[in-house]
Amino acid sequence: MPTFTVYKGSESGKITKAQTTRDLQGDAVLVKVTASGVCGTDEHYKHADMALGHEGVGVVEEVGSAVRTLKKGDRVGWGYEHDSCGECEYCLTGREQYCPDRKIYGMADFDQGSFASHGVWREAFLFKIPDAITDIDAAPLMCGGATVFNALTAAGVKPTDRVGIMGVGGLGHLAIQFAAKMGCDVVVLSGTDSKKDEALKLGASDFIAMKGKDQIDVGKKIDSLIITTSAMPDWKVVLPALAPTASILPLTVSEGDFSFPQNPLILGGHTVYGIAVSPRAVHRQMLAFAAHHNIKPVVMKFPMSEEGIEDCMGTLRDGKMRYRGVLVPQQA
């Protein structure tokens, strides 16, 4: 039974180092972690007595007796979901993220995460990393990339669509790239012009700074709006920019209620999507798409240690991350 290092949250919020042991039976796979993304959700759990991290990438070291495809030396990653029943209507229709018995980060497998030396996970919930994607670039795709790609897929975004991305951060800078490579006309809505040049380099066609404005002109109306900011949009300003039947996809709005004016929702024929984590089929498509189109996160690297994790999470908390933090194990 493998024993390995994990980094946990605590009641005080201090990162602590611990050991955990897992059985390597059935279709379980032992993965040596080579990179881990750091997500805003990790910040939510830093006061919990649980292993942190859910954007893991690594190399297969050992496999259980029932593993069918993966072998030692394969590069793999995992994300928010670790397991599901495999038998309910959601699992059988490729929507296992809604399985009543799903195991997801923060609700199961509290003894292990991607802030670790290793992890033991079911083969069915591991994803082979394409050769064209490095471990460091792959890590933020395991949740951030999968989330925005799933949103675009769920909304049925077409290459002829005008896609609005609200916010240029960990999710937003990836959403810009995916939408642009899909052939969409991308307009970025941000607070100030500070990230304009970067947004345009990432593939945006237009950039609009919204701070202090009571109206905006986006030109062609927005068919799908992806919200990656933590604050609720000012709908008085944003609504006139939406095309009839526009899709609205809130990914990281605040923890309070999501509110939207009722009459414009009805009269405009808009659709608001609740987007959970990506199903495995879409996750695989995302990785293939990212590899083919050379989509890469903009990252800042930190050491995989108590101090490194504290530094990384502090950088994220202070709003100074550009744009995804990645933890990298240090050479012995």
Protein backbone atom coordinates (compact mmCIF):
# COMPACT_ATOMS: atom_id res chain seq x y z
CA MET A 1 0.00 0.00 0.00
CA PRO A 2 1.64 3.28 -1.10
CA THR A 3 2.27 5.94 1.55
CA PHE A 4 2.87 9.48 0.34
CA THR A 5 2.94 13.15 1.31
CA VAL A 6 -0.07 15.45 1.12
CA TYR A 7 -0.55 19.11 2.04
CA LYS A 8 -3.67 19.91 4.03
CA GLY A 9 -5.68 22.86 5.18
CA SER A 10 -6.29 23.48 8.87
CA GLU A 11 -8.69 25.31 11.14
CA SER A 12 -6.27 28.25 11.30
CA GLY A 13 -5.78 28.26 7.52
CA LYS A 14 -2.13 27.26 7.82
CA ILE A 15 -0.92 24.68 5.30
CA THR A 16 0.28 21.50 7.01
CA LYS A 17 2.24 18.52 5.72
CA ALA A 18 0.94 15.01 6.37
CA GLN A 19 1.17 11.41 5.22
CA THR A 20 -1.59 9.21 3.83
CA THR A 21 -1.77 5.56 2.78
CA ARG A 22 -3.96 4.12 0.02
CA ASP A 23 -4.67 0.63 -1.30
CA LEU A 24 -3.57 -0.03 -4.85
CA GLN A 25 -6.26 -2.52 -5.81
CA GLY A 26 -8.59 -3.07 -8.73
CA ASP A 27 -8.45 -0.21 -11.23
CA ALA A 28 -6.49 2.12 -8.92
CA VAL A 29 -3.44 3.93 -10.29
CA LEU A 30 -0.54 5.43 -8.33
CA VAL A 31 0.46 8.77 -9.88
CA LYS A 32 3.61 10.69 -8.96
CA VAL A 33 2.63 14.38 -9.02
CA THR A 34 4.77 16.55 -11.31
CA ALA A 35 2.58 19.69 -11.28
CA SER A 36 -0.56 20.96 -9.61
CA GLY A 37 -2.68 23.92 -10.50
CA VAL A 38 -4.02 26.15 -7.74
CA CYS A 39 -7.65 27.19 -8.09
CA GLY A 40 -9.87 29.62 -6.22
CA THR A 41 -11.79 26.63 -4.85
CA ASP A 42 -8.65 25.53 -3.02
CA GLU A 43 -8.76 28.81 -1.14
CA HIS A 44 -12.30 27.95 0.02
CA TYR A 45 -11.04 24.77 1.70
CA LYS A 46 -7.83 26.01 3.31
CA HIS A 47 -9.58 26.10 6.71
CA ALA A 48 -10.75 22.48 6.37
CA ASP A 49 -8.89 19.46 7.70
CA MET A 50 -8.45 17.91 4.25
CA ALA A 51 -5.83 17.41 1.57
CA LEU A 52 -5.91 20.28 -0.93
CA GLY A 53 -5.71 20.50 -4.70
CA HIS A 54 -7.69 19.16 -7.65
CA GLU A 55 -5.68 20.10 -10.75
CA GLY A 56 -3.17 17.27 -10.70
CA VAL A 57 -0.75 16.08 -13.36
CA GLY A 58 1.86 13.38 -13.04
CA VAL A 59 3.42 10.12 -14.14
CA VAL A 60 2.00 6.66 -13.54
CA GLU A 61 4.24 4.71 -11.13
CA GLU A 62 2.15 1.62 -10.37
CA VAL A 63 -1.20 0.18 -11.42
CA GLY A 64 -3.77 -2.10 -9.83
CA SER A 65 -4.58 -5.56 -11.17
CA ALA A 66 -7.72 -4.41 -13.00
CA VAL A 67 -6.19 -1.43 -14.80
CA ARG A 68 -6.81 -1.91 -18.51
CA THR A 69 -5.05 0.84 -20.46
CA LEU A 70 -2.66 2.93 -18.40
CA LYS A 71 0.89 1.75 -17.80
CA LYS A 72 3.95 2.85 -15.90
CA GLY A 73 5.43 6.03 -17.36
CA ASP A 74 2.19 7.40 -18.85
CA ARG A 75 1.50 11.08 -18.22
CA VAL A 76 -1.96 11.66 -16.77
CA GLY A 77 -4.03 14.27 -15.02
CA TRP A 78 -7.18 14.49 -12.92
CA GLY A 79 -9.68 17.15 -12.01
CA TYR A 80 -12.60 17.93 -9.74
CA GLU A 81 -14.42 14.60 -9.97
CA HIS A 82 -12.84 11.36 -8.76
CA ASP A 83 -15.60 8.75 -9.09
CA SER A 84 -19.27 8.09 -9.82
CA CYS A 85 -21.61 5.12 -9.64
CA GLY A 86 -21.46 4.33 -13.38
CA GLU A 87 -25.04 3.03 -13.37
CA CYS A 88 -27.47 5.93 -12.94
CA GLU A 89 -29.10 7.76 -15.85
CA TYR A 90 -26.58 10.60 -15.57
CA CYS A 91 -23.55 8.31 -15.74
CA LEU A 92 -25.06 6.33 -18.60
CA THR A 93 -25.69 9.48 -20.64
CA GLY A 94 -22.26 11.07 -20.17
CA ARG A 95 -23.32 13.46 -17.41
CA GLU A 96 -21.57 11.76 -14.51
CA GLN A 97 -20.83 15.12 -12.90
CA TYR A 98 -24.48 15.08 -11.77
CA CYS A 99 -24.39 11.52 -10.40
CA PRO A 100 -26.02 11.41 -6.92
CA ASP A 101 -23.11 9.23 -5.74
CA ARG A 102 -20.34 11.23 -7.37
CA LYS A 103 -17.10 11.84 -5.51
CA ILE A 104 -15.83 15.36 -6.01
CA TYR A 105 -13.24 17.61 -4.44
CA GLY A 106 -14.27 18.93 -1.04
CA MET A 107 -16.93 16.24 -0.58
CA ALA A 108 -14.95 12.98 -0.78
CA ASP A 109 -11.40 11.60 -0.69
CA PHE A 110 -10.42 14.06 2.01
CA ASP A 111 -7.10 12.30 2.59
CA GLN A 112 -5.58 13.09 -0.81
CA GLY A 113 -5.41 15.84 -3.40
CA SER A 114 -3.04 17.30 -5.98
CA PHE A 115 -1.00 19.29 -3.44
CA ALA A 116 0.97 16.11 -2.82
CA SER A 117 3.85 13.89 -3.82
CA HIS A 118 1.49 11.23 -5.19
CA GLY A 119 -2.16 10.32 -5.61
CA VAL A 120 -4.11 7.09 -6.05
CA TRP A 121 -7.11 7.43 -8.35
CA ARG A 122 -9.40 5.27 -10.45
CA GLU A 123 -8.16 4.75 -13.99
CA ALA A 124 -11.57 5.78 -15.33
CA PHE A 125 -11.14 9.29 -13.92
CA LEU A 126 -7.60 9.90 -15.13
CA PHE A 127 -6.87 11.64 -18.44
CA LYS A 128 -3.85 10.98 -20.65
CA ILE A 129 -1.96 14.19 -21.36
CA PRO A 130 -1.21 14.83 -25.05
CA ASP A 131 2.49 14.98 -25.93
CA ALA A 132 2.09 18.57 -27.15
CA ILE A 133 1.15 19.80 -23.65
CA THR A 134 3.73 20.08 -20.84
CA ASP A 135 2.89 19.03 -17.30
CA ILE A 136 2.98 22.64 -16.09
CA ASP A 137 0.65 23.80 -18.86
CA ALA A 138 -1.65 20.81 -18.40
CA ALA A 139 -2.27 21.34 -14.68
CA PRO A 140 -4.51 24.45 -14.94
CA LEU A 141 -6.45 22.78 -17.75
CA MET A 142 -7.60 20.02 -15.40
CA CYS A 143 -10.21 22.33 -13.86
CA GLY A 144 -9.90 25.84 -15.30
CA GLY A 145 -9.58 24.74 -18.91
CA ALA A 146 -12.20 22.01 -18.57
CA THR A 147 -14.66 24.42 -16.95
CA VAL A 148 -14.57 27.07 -19.68
CA PHE A 149 -14.49 24.51 -22.50
CA ASN A 150 -17.50 22.78 -20.94
CA ALA A 151 -19.33 26.10 -20.74
CA LEU A 152 -18.73 26.82 -24.43
CA THR A 153 -19.81 23.29 -25.33
CA ALA A 154 -22.93 23.34 -23.15
CA ALA A 155 -24.07 26.63 -24.69
CA GLY A 156 -23.63 25.23 -28.19
CA VAL A 157 -21.32 28.07 -29.17
CA LYS A 158 -20.75 28.28 -32.94
CA PRO A 159 -17.82 29.79 -34.89
CA THR A 160 -20.16 32.54 -36.12
CA ASP A 161 -21.03 33.63 -32.55
CA ARG A 162 -19.96 36.79 -30.76
CA VAL A 163 -18.73 35.60 -27.35
CA GLY A 164 -18.33 37.97 -24.41
CA ILE A 165 -15.80 37.11 -21.70
CA MET A 166 -16.26 39.07 -18.50
CA GLY A 167 -12.99 39.14 -16.58
CA VAL A 168 -9.39 38.35 -17.54
CA GLY A 169 -8.16 36.04 -14.81
CA GLY A 170 -7.56 32.35 -14.22
CA LEU A 171 -10.69 31.31 -16.11
CA GLY A 172 -11.11 34.33 -18.35
CA HIS A 173 -7.70 34.17 -20.04
CA LEU A 174 -8.37 30.52 -20.94
CA ALA A 175 -11.92 31.23 -22.12
CA ILE A 176 -10.58 33.89 -24.50
CA GLN A 177 -8.20 31.39 -26.09
CA PHE A 178 -10.72 28.56 -26.42
CA ALA A 179 -13.44 30.79 -27.87
CA ALA A 180 -11.04 32.46 -30.29
CA LYS A 181 -9.65 29.13 -31.52
CA MET A 182 -13.22 27.93 -32.04
CA GLY A 183 -13.48 30.73 -34.57
CA CYS A 184 -15.65 32.99 -32.44
CA ASP A 185 -15.56 36.78 -32.41
CA VAL A 186 -14.46 37.49 -28.81
CA VAL A 187 -15.12 40.70 -26.90
CA VAL A 188 -13.62 41.05 -23.43
CA LEU A 189 -15.35 43.07 -20.71
CA SER A 190 -13.00 44.11 -17.93
CA GLY A 191 -12.72 46.79 -15.29
CA THR A 192 -9.85 48.83 -16.72
CA ASP A 193 -7.55 48.81 -19.74
CA SER A 194 -4.68 47.23 -17.74
CA LYS A 195 -5.13 43.81 -19.37
CA LYS A 196 -6.15 44.99 -22.83
CA ASP A 197 -2.91 44.16 -24.63
CA GLU A 198 -2.77 40.68 -23.11
CA ALA A 199 -6.41 39.97 -23.94
CA LEU A 200 -5.88 40.95 -27.57
CA LYS A 201 -2.75 38.79 -27.80
CA LEU A 202 -4.72 35.85 -26.39
CA GLY A 203 -7.24 36.16 -29.22
CA ALA A 204 -9.82 38.79 -28.29
CA SER A 205 -11.13 40.94 -31.13
CA ASP A 206 -12.36 43.76 -28.91
CA PHE A 207 -11.78 44.95 -25.35
CA ILE A 208 -14.07 47.18 -23.32
CA ALA A 209 -13.13 48.77 -19.99
CA MET A 210 -16.32 49.08 -17.94
CA LYS A 211 -15.31 50.82 -14.73
CA GLY A 212 -17.32 53.97 -14.14
CA LYS A 213 -19.47 53.54 -17.27
CA ASP A 214 -23.26 53.48 -17.24
CA GLN A 215 -23.42 52.23 -20.83
CA ILE A 216 -21.13 50.40 -23.23
CA ASP A 217 -21.00 49.91 -26.98
CA VAL A 218 -19.88 46.40 -27.92
CA GLY A 219 -20.71 46.75 -31.60
CA LYS A 220 -22.23 43.45 -32.71
CA LYS A 221 -24.35 42.08 -29.85
CA ILE A 222 -23.12 39.25 -27.66
CA ASP A 223 -24.55 35.77 -28.31
CA SER A 224 -22.94 34.07 -25.28
CA LEU A 225 -21.64 35.80 -22.17
CA ILE A 226 -19.21 33.90 -19.92
CA ILE A 227 -18.86 35.50 -16.49
CA THR A 228 -15.55 34.75 -14.77
CA THR A 229 -15.57 37.60 -12.24
CA SER A 230 -16.38 37.14 -8.56
CA ALA A 231 -18.76 40.10 -8.58
CA MET A 232 -22.24 40.16 -10.07
CA PRO A 233 -22.43 42.10 -13.36
CA ASP A 234 -24.29 45.40 -13.48
CA TRP A 235 -27.12 44.20 -15.69
CA LYS A 236 -28.28 47.74 -16.46
CA VAL A 237 -24.99 48.19 -18.31
CA VAL A 238 -24.58 44.67 -19.70
CA LEU A 239 -28.15 43.83 -20.83
CA PRO A 240 -28.21 46.21 -23.81
CA ALA A 241 -25.08 44.44 -25.11
CA LEU A 242 -26.79 41.03 -25.29
CA ALA A 243 -28.34 39.71 -28.47
CA PRO A 244 -31.83 38.20 -28.33
CA THR A 245 -31.72 34.58 -27.08
CA ALA A 246 -28.23 35.14 -25.66
CA SER A 247 -26.72 32.51 -23.37
CA ILE A 248 -25.44 33.61 -19.96
CA LEU A 249 -22.92 31.37 -18.22
CA PRO A 250 -21.92 32.40 -14.68
CA LEU A 251 -18.79 30.47 -13.69
CA THR A 252 -17.39 32.32 -10.68
CA VAL A 253 -20.02 34.77 -9.47
CA SER A 254 -20.19 35.58 -5.77
CA GLU A 255 -21.53 33.07 -3.24
CA GLY A 256 -24.80 34.96 -2.88
CA ASP A 257 -27.85 34.58 -5.09
CA PHE A 258 -27.50 34.95 -8.83
CA SER A 259 -30.03 37.61 -9.80
CA PHE A 260 -31.20 38.66 -13.24
CA PRO A 261 -34.04 41.02 -14.24
CA GLN A 262 -37.09 38.89 -14.98
CA ASN A 263 -38.71 40.83 -17.80
CA PRO A 264 -35.54 41.11 -19.93
CA LEU A 265 -34.94 37.40 -19.34
CA ILE A 266 -38.38 36.52 -20.69
CA LEU A 267 -38.67 39.12 -23.44
CA GLY A 268 -35.10 38.58 -24.61
CA GLY A 269 -35.42 34.81 -24.60
CA HIS A 270 -32.15 34.50 -22.71
CA THR A 271 -30.89 31.26 -21.17
CA VAL A 272 -28.89 31.12 -17.94
CA TYR A 273 -26.77 27.98 -17.64
CA GLY A 274 -25.68 26.31 -14.42
CA ILE A 275 -22.33 24.75 -15.31
CA ALA A 276 -20.88 22.04 -13.11
CA VAL A 277 -17.51 20.41 -13.66
CA SER A 278 -16.79 18.93 -17.06
CA PRO A 279 -17.89 15.38 -17.89
CA ARG A 280 -15.03 13.08 -18.88
CA ALA A 281 -15.87 13.01 -22.59
CA VAL A 282 -15.76 16.81 -22.80
CA HIS A 283 -12.58 16.87 -20.69
CA ARG A 284 -10.86 14.61 -23.23
CA GLN A 285 -12.09 16.81 -26.07
CA MET A 286 -10.72 19.86 -24.28
CA LEU A 287 -7.25 18.35 -23.98
CA ALA A 288 -7.21 17.32 -27.64
CA PHE A 289 -8.42 20.79 -28.68
CA ALA A 290 -5.84 22.56 -26.50
CA ALA A 291 -3.04 20.39 -27.89
CA HIS A 292 -4.11 20.93 -31.50
CA HIS A 293 -4.49 24.69 -31.14
CA ASN A 294 -1.53 25.28 -28.80
CA ILE A 295 -3.70 26.74 -26.03
CA LYS A 296 -1.60 27.40 -22.93
CA PRO A 297 -2.32 29.00 -19.58
CA VAL A 298 -0.27 31.95 -18.42
CA VAL A 299 1.33 30.64 -15.25
CA MET A 300 3.36 31.59 -12.21
CA LYS A 301 5.34 28.71 -10.67
CA PHE A 302 5.76 28.01 -6.96
CA PRO A 303 7.51 25.17 -5.08
CA MET A 304 5.42 22.26 -3.81
CA SER A 305 6.07 22.89 -0.13
CA GLU A 306 4.24 24.40 2.82
CA GLU A 307 5.89 27.75 2.19
CA GLY A 308 5.37 27.57 -1.57
CA ILE A 309 1.68 26.77 -1.21
CA GLU A 310 1.20 29.59 1.29
CA ASP A 311 2.94 31.99 -1.09
CA CYS A 312 0.91 30.83 -4.08
CA MET A 313 -2.43 31.03 -2.30
CA GLY A 314 -1.52 34.44 -0.88
CA THR A 315 -0.68 35.69 -4.38
CA LEU A 316 -4.05 34.42 -5.60
CA ARG A 317 -5.90 35.90 -2.64
CA ASP A 318 -4.26 39.30 -3.15
CA GLY A 319 -5.33 39.39 -6.81
CA LYS A 320 -1.71 39.37 -8.03
CA MET A 321 -1.76 36.04 -9.87
CA ARG A 322 -1.13 36.23 -13.64
CA TYR A 323 -3.06 34.10 -14.24
CA ARG A 324 -2.80 30.56 -12.84
CA GLY A 325 -0.52 29.37 -10.06
CA VAL A 326 1.22 26.04 -10.56
CA LEU A 327 2.98 24.09 -7.81
CA VAL A 328 6.05 22.15 -8.90
CA PRO A 329 7.84 19.52 -6.76
CA GLN A 330 11.41 20.40 -5.90
CA GLN A 331 14.28 18.12 -6.84
CA ALA A 332 15.71 16.22 -3.90
